Amino acid sequence: MRLPLRRVLRIVLSLVVIVFLWSRIGRQYRDRSGLWLIGSLTLSLILLLVVIVEATGLQQKWRKQRDQVPKKPLGLDS
């Protein structure tokens, strides 16, 4: 499976931001407020979800399902 360049860039940039956040948390854990830590954790979780969705190709599966049109919409049988 060959990933398009755009998807690879999203994955790499997300991982770079996660590494930056966690290295910053590690260095300045005592100096930062709890709200900053919660925000960093939330952003990390969102970026991890982005990496998972991009790596597994779930987004393309969702698009294919959305684009499929039923032959008899709304249960109309005539």
N, C-alpha and C. Protein backbone atom coordinates (compact mmCIF):
# COMPACT_ATOMS: atom_id res chain seq x y z
N MET A 1 0.85 -1.18 0.00
CA MET A 1 0.00 0.00 0.00
C MET A 1 0.89 1.24 0.00
N ARG A 2 0.69 2.09 -0.96
CA ARG A 2 1.48 3.32 -1.08
C ARG A 2 0.64 4.49 -0.61
N LEU A 3 1.18 5.23 0.35
CA LEU A 3 0.47 6.38 0.89
C LEU A 3 0.80 7.63 0.07
N PRO A 4 -0.20 8.45 -0.22
CA PRO A 4 0.06 9.72 -0.91
C PRO A 4 0.90 10.65 -0.03
N LEU A 5 1.63 11.52 -0.68
CA LEU A 5 2.52 12.44 0.01
C LEU A 5 1.79 13.30 1.03
N ARG A 6 0.57 13.71 0.71
CA ARG A 6 -0.20 14.56 1.61
C ARG A 6 -0.51 13.84 2.93
N ARG A 7 -0.88 12.57 2.84
CA ARG A 7 -1.17 11.79 4.05
C ARG A 7 0.09 11.57 4.87
N VAL A 8 1.20 11.32 4.20
CA VAL A 8 2.48 11.12 4.91
C VAL A 8 2.87 12.40 5.63
N LEU A 9 2.68 13.55 4.98
CA LEU A 9 3.00 14.83 5.62
C LEU A 9 2.14 15.07 6.85
N ARG A 10 0.83 14.74 6.78
CA ARG A 10 -0.05 14.90 7.94
C ARG A 10 0.43 14.03 9.10
N ILE A 11 0.80 12.80 8.79
CA ILE A 11 1.26 11.89 9.84
C ILE A 11 2.55 12.40 10.46
N VAL A 12 3.51 12.78 9.63
CA VAL A 12 4.81 13.24 10.14
C VAL A 12 4.66 14.53 10.95
N LEU A 13 3.90 15.49 10.43
CA LEU A 13 3.72 16.74 11.17
C LEU A 13 2.99 16.53 12.49
N SER A 14 2.01 15.65 12.51
CA SER A 14 1.32 15.34 13.76
C SER A 14 2.27 14.73 14.78
N LEU A 15 3.10 13.81 14.33
CA LEU A 15 4.06 13.19 15.24
C LEU A 15 5.11 14.19 15.73
N VAL A 16 5.53 15.11 14.87
CA VAL A 16 6.49 16.14 15.28
C VAL A 16 5.89 17.03 16.37
N VAL A 17 4.63 17.43 16.20
CA VAL A 17 3.98 18.27 17.20
C VAL A 17 3.83 17.52 18.52
N ILE A 18 3.48 16.24 18.46
CA ILE A 18 3.35 15.44 19.68
C ILE A 18 4.69 15.34 20.40
N VAL A 19 5.76 15.07 19.66
CA VAL A 19 7.09 14.98 20.27
C VAL A 19 7.49 16.32 20.89
N PHE A 20 7.20 17.42 20.18
CA PHE A 20 7.52 18.74 20.72
C PHE A 20 6.76 19.00 22.02
N LEU A 21 5.45 18.70 22.03
CA LEU A 21 4.64 18.92 23.24
C LEU A 21 5.16 18.11 24.42
N TRP A 22 5.43 16.83 24.18
CA TRP A 22 5.86 15.97 25.28
C TRP A 22 7.26 16.30 25.77
N SER A 23 8.14 16.75 24.88
CA SER A 23 9.46 17.17 25.34
C SER A 23 9.35 18.45 26.17
N ARG A 24 8.46 19.33 25.76
CA ARG A 24 8.24 20.57 26.51
C ARG A 24 7.61 20.27 27.87
N ILE A 25 6.67 19.34 27.91
CA ILE A 25 6.07 18.94 29.19
C ILE A 25 7.14 18.35 30.10
N GLY A 26 8.00 17.52 29.54
CA GLY A 26 9.06 16.90 30.34
C GLY A 26 10.03 17.91 30.94
N ARG A 27 10.35 18.93 30.18
CA ARG A 27 11.31 19.93 30.65
C ARG A 27 10.71 20.93 31.63
N GLN A 28 9.47 21.34 31.38
CA GLN A 28 8.89 22.42 32.17
C GLN A 28 7.63 21.98 32.91
N TYR A 29 7.62 20.74 33.39
CA TYR A 29 6.44 20.20 34.05
C TYR A 29 6.05 21.01 35.28
N ARG A 30 7.02 21.39 36.09
CA ARG A 30 6.74 22.10 37.34
C ARG A 30 6.35 23.57 37.13
N ASP A 31 6.85 24.17 36.05
CA ASP A 31 6.61 25.59 35.80
C ASP A 31 5.25 25.89 35.17
N ARG A 32 4.66 24.91 34.51
CA ARG A 32 3.41 25.14 33.77
C ARG A 32 2.20 24.88 34.65
N SER A 33 1.09 25.51 34.28
CA SER A 33 -0.14 25.32 35.03
C SER A 33 -0.81 23.99 34.61
N GLY A 34 -1.76 23.57 35.41
CA GLY A 34 -2.48 22.34 35.11
C GLY A 34 -3.30 22.46 33.84
N LEU A 35 -3.81 23.66 33.57
CA LEU A 35 -4.61 23.88 32.37
C LEU A 35 -3.76 23.68 31.11
N TRP A 36 -2.51 24.12 31.15
CA TRP A 36 -1.61 23.93 30.01
C TRP A 36 -1.36 22.45 29.79
N LEU A 37 -1.20 21.70 30.88
CA LEU A 37 -0.97 20.26 30.78
C LEU A 37 -2.20 19.56 30.19
N ILE A 38 -3.40 19.93 30.64
CA ILE A 38 -4.62 19.33 30.12
C ILE A 38 -4.79 19.66 28.63
N GLY A 39 -4.50 20.89 28.26
CA GLY A 39 -4.57 21.28 26.85
C GLY A 39 -3.59 20.49 25.98
N SER A 40 -2.39 20.29 26.50
CA SER A 40 -1.39 19.52 25.75
C SER A 40 -1.82 18.07 25.59
N LEU A 41 -2.37 17.50 26.65
CA LEU A 41 -2.85 16.12 26.57
C LEU A 41 -4.00 15.99 25.57
N THR A 42 -4.91 16.95 25.58
CA THR A 42 -6.03 16.93 24.65
C THR A 42 -5.55 17.04 23.21
N LEU A 43 -4.64 17.96 22.97
CA LEU A 43 -4.09 18.12 21.62
C LEU A 43 -3.34 16.87 21.19
N SER A 44 -2.63 16.24 22.10
CA SER A 44 -1.91 15.01 21.78
C SER A 44 -2.88 13.90 21.39
N LEU A 45 -3.98 13.78 22.12
CA LEU A 45 -4.97 12.75 21.79
C LEU A 45 -5.60 12.99 20.42
N ILE A 46 -5.92 14.24 20.13
CA ILE A 46 -6.50 14.57 18.83
C ILE A 46 -5.52 14.25 17.71
N LEU A 47 -4.25 14.60 17.91
CA LEU A 47 -3.25 14.32 16.88
C LEU A 47 -3.00 12.83 16.72
N LEU A 48 -3.06 12.07 17.81
CA LEU A 48 -2.93 10.62 17.71
C LEU A 48 -4.09 10.02 16.92
N LEU A 49 -5.28 10.55 17.11
CA LEU A 49 -6.43 10.09 16.32
C LEU A 49 -6.23 10.41 14.83
N VAL A 50 -5.67 11.58 14.55
CA VAL A 50 -5.39 11.95 13.16
C VAL A 50 -4.40 10.96 12.55
N VAL A 51 -3.36 10.62 13.30
CA VAL A 51 -2.36 9.67 12.81
C VAL A 51 -3.00 8.31 12.55
N ILE A 52 -3.83 7.85 13.46
CA ILE A 52 -4.47 6.54 13.29
C ILE A 52 -5.39 6.54 12.07
N VAL A 53 -6.21 7.59 11.93
CA VAL A 53 -7.14 7.66 10.80
C VAL A 53 -6.37 7.73 9.48
N GLU A 54 -5.33 8.52 9.43
CA GLU A 54 -4.56 8.65 8.19
C GLU A 54 -3.80 7.36 7.86
N ALA A 55 -3.24 6.72 8.86
CA ALA A 55 -2.44 5.52 8.61
C ALA A 55 -3.30 4.33 8.20
N THR A 56 -4.51 4.22 8.75
CA THR A 56 -5.36 3.08 8.43
C THR A 56 -6.23 3.30 7.21
N GLY A 57 -6.37 4.52 6.77
CA GLY A 57 -7.19 4.81 5.60
C GLY A 57 -8.68 4.82 5.89
N LEU A 58 -9.06 5.02 7.13
CA LEU A 58 -10.48 5.05 7.50
C LEU A 58 -11.22 6.17 6.79
N GLN A 59 -10.55 7.27 6.55
CA GLN A 59 -11.18 8.42 5.91
C GLN A 59 -11.66 8.05 4.50
N GLN A 60 -10.85 7.28 3.76
CA GLN A 60 -11.25 6.88 2.42
C GLN A 60 -12.45 5.93 2.47
N LYS A 61 -12.49 5.05 3.45
CA LYS A 61 -13.62 4.15 3.60
C LYS A 61 -14.90 4.92 3.88
N TRP A 62 -14.81 5.94 4.73
CA TRP A 62 -15.97 6.77 5.04
C TRP A 62 -16.46 7.49 3.79
N ARG A 63 -15.52 8.00 2.99
CA ARG A 63 -15.90 8.71 1.76
C ARG A 63 -16.60 7.78 0.79
N LYS A 64 -16.09 6.57 0.64
CA LYS A 64 -16.71 5.62 -0.28
C LYS A 64 -18.13 5.30 0.16
N GLN A 65 -18.33 5.11 1.45
CA GLN A 65 -19.67 4.81 1.95
C GLN A 65 -20.60 6.00 1.74
N ARG A 66 -20.10 7.19 1.94
CA ARG A 66 -20.92 8.39 1.77
C ARG A 66 -21.31 8.59 0.31
N ASP A 67 -20.43 8.25 -0.61
CA ASP A 67 -20.68 8.49 -2.02
C ASP A 67 -21.59 7.44 -2.66
N GLN A 68 -21.79 6.33 -1.97
CA GLN A 68 -22.66 5.30 -2.53
C GLN A 68 -24.12 5.74 -2.40
N VAL A 69 -24.84 5.64 -3.51
CA VAL A 69 -26.24 6.04 -3.53
C VAL A 69 -27.09 4.78 -3.65
N PRO A 70 -28.08 4.61 -2.77
CA PRO A 70 -28.92 3.42 -2.88
C PRO A 70 -29.77 3.46 -4.14
N LYS A 71 -30.07 2.26 -4.68
CA LYS A 71 -30.86 2.20 -5.91
C LYS A 71 -32.30 2.62 -5.69
N LYS A 72 -32.83 2.33 -4.51
CA LYS A 72 -34.20 2.74 -4.17
C LYS A 72 -34.14 3.55 -2.89
N PRO A 73 -33.91 4.86 -2.99
CA PRO A 73 -33.75 5.68 -1.80
C PRO A 73 -35.04 5.77 -0.97
N LEU A 74 -34.88 5.89 0.30
CA LEU A 74 -35.97 6.08 1.27
C LEU A 74 -36.98 4.95 1.27
N GLY A 75 -36.58 3.79 0.79
CA GLY A 75 -37.46 2.64 0.81
C GLY A 75 -38.61 2.70 -0.16
N LEU A 76 -38.52 3.55 -1.17
CA LEU A 76 -39.60 3.66 -2.15
C LEU A 76 -39.49 2.53 -3.17
N ASP A 77 -40.45 1.65 -3.16
CA ASP A 77 -40.46 0.53 -4.09
C ASP A 77 -41.59 0.72 -5.09
N SER A 78 -41.30 1.34 -6.21
CA SER A 78 -42.35 1.53 -7.21
C SER A 78 -41.88 1.18 -8.59
